[in-house]
Amino acid sequence: MPKLKTHRGAAKRLKKTGTGKLKRHHAYASHILAKKSRKRKRHLRSSAIVEPCNAKVLIKMLHG
C-alpha cells in the first residue's frame, strides 16, 4: 500500500502545539464586520484549540 498524503487544506489551517493539541482560527471574522460588536471581533482574532472529538480525525489528516 502506498504512503498516504497529508491533507493540504488541513495542513494550511491547523498548527500543532507543544503538547500535541491542534490550534485553529475562528470562523466569521473575514467580512460583514460592521454588525459584529468590537468584543466579538476581538475574540475572533484569537486562536482556539480543536475539540478532542474532532481532533482525532484531523490528526490523521495531518499525518497522512
Protein backbone atom coordinates (compact mmCIF):
# COMPACT_ATOMS: atom_id res chain seq x y z
CA MET A 1 0.00 0.00 0.00
CA PRO A 2 1.41 3.45 -0.91
CA LYS A 3 2.12 6.19 1.58
CA LEU A 4 -0.83 8.45 2.40
CA LYS A 5 -0.54 12.12 1.53
CA THR A 6 -1.03 14.89 4.04
CA HIS A 7 -4.35 16.71 3.57
CA ARG A 8 -3.02 20.07 2.36
CA GLY A 9 -6.17 22.02 3.28
CA ALA A 10 -5.90 20.85 6.88
CA ALA A 11 -2.15 21.47 6.98
CA LYS A 12 -2.64 25.12 6.00
CA ARG A 13 -5.36 25.71 8.59
CA LEU A 14 -4.05 23.88 11.66
CA LYS A 15 -0.88 24.04 13.74
CA LYS A 16 0.24 21.53 16.34
CA THR A 17 1.03 22.81 19.85
CA GLY A 18 3.88 21.55 22.01
CA THR A 19 1.55 19.21 23.89
CA GLY A 20 0.15 17.71 20.67
CA LYS A 21 -3.16 19.59 20.57
CA LEU A 22 -4.32 21.34 17.40
CA LYS A 23 -4.64 25.11 17.15
CA ARG A 24 -7.19 26.69 14.79
CA HIS A 25 -8.55 30.09 13.85
CA HIS A 26 -12.11 31.24 14.46
CA ALA A 27 -14.62 31.48 11.61
CA TYR A 28 -16.87 34.53 10.90
CA ALA A 29 -14.02 37.05 11.13
CA SER A 30 -13.41 37.98 7.49
CA HIS A 31 -16.36 40.06 6.25
CA ILE A 32 -19.70 41.64 7.25
CA LEU A 33 -17.91 43.03 10.31
CA ALA A 34 -19.95 46.23 10.76
CA LYS A 35 -22.79 44.47 12.58
CA LYS A 36 -20.47 42.50 14.88
CA SER A 37 -19.51 44.04 18.20
CA ARG A 38 -15.97 45.12 18.98
CA LYS A 39 -15.72 42.49 21.70
CA ARG A 40 -16.86 39.71 19.36
CA LYS A 41 -14.35 40.70 16.66
CA ARG A 42 -11.55 40.88 19.23
CA HIS A 43 -12.33 37.38 20.47
CA LEU A 44 -12.47 36.03 16.90
CA ARG A 45 -8.91 37.27 16.29
CA SER A 46 -7.50 34.91 18.91
CA SER A 47 -6.82 31.26 18.18
CA ALA A 48 -8.70 28.30 19.62
CA ILE A 49 -7.95 24.66 20.40
CA VAL A 50 -9.70 21.97 18.34
CA GLU A 51 -12.18 19.94 20.41
CA PRO A 52 -10.97 16.40 21.24
CA CYS A 53 -13.91 14.78 19.41
CA ASN A 54 -12.75 16.40 16.13
CA ALA A 55 -9.02 16.27 16.81
CA LYS A 56 -8.70 12.52 16.25
CA VAL A 57 -9.78 12.76 12.59
CA LEU A 58 -7.78 15.94 11.95
CA ILE A 59 -4.56 14.47 13.34
CA LYS A 60 -4.93 11.58 10.88
CA MET A 61 -5.37 14.09 8.05
CA LEU A 62 -2.16 15.88 9.03
CA HIS A 63 -0.02 12.77 9.36
CA GLY A 64 -1.13 11.29 6.06
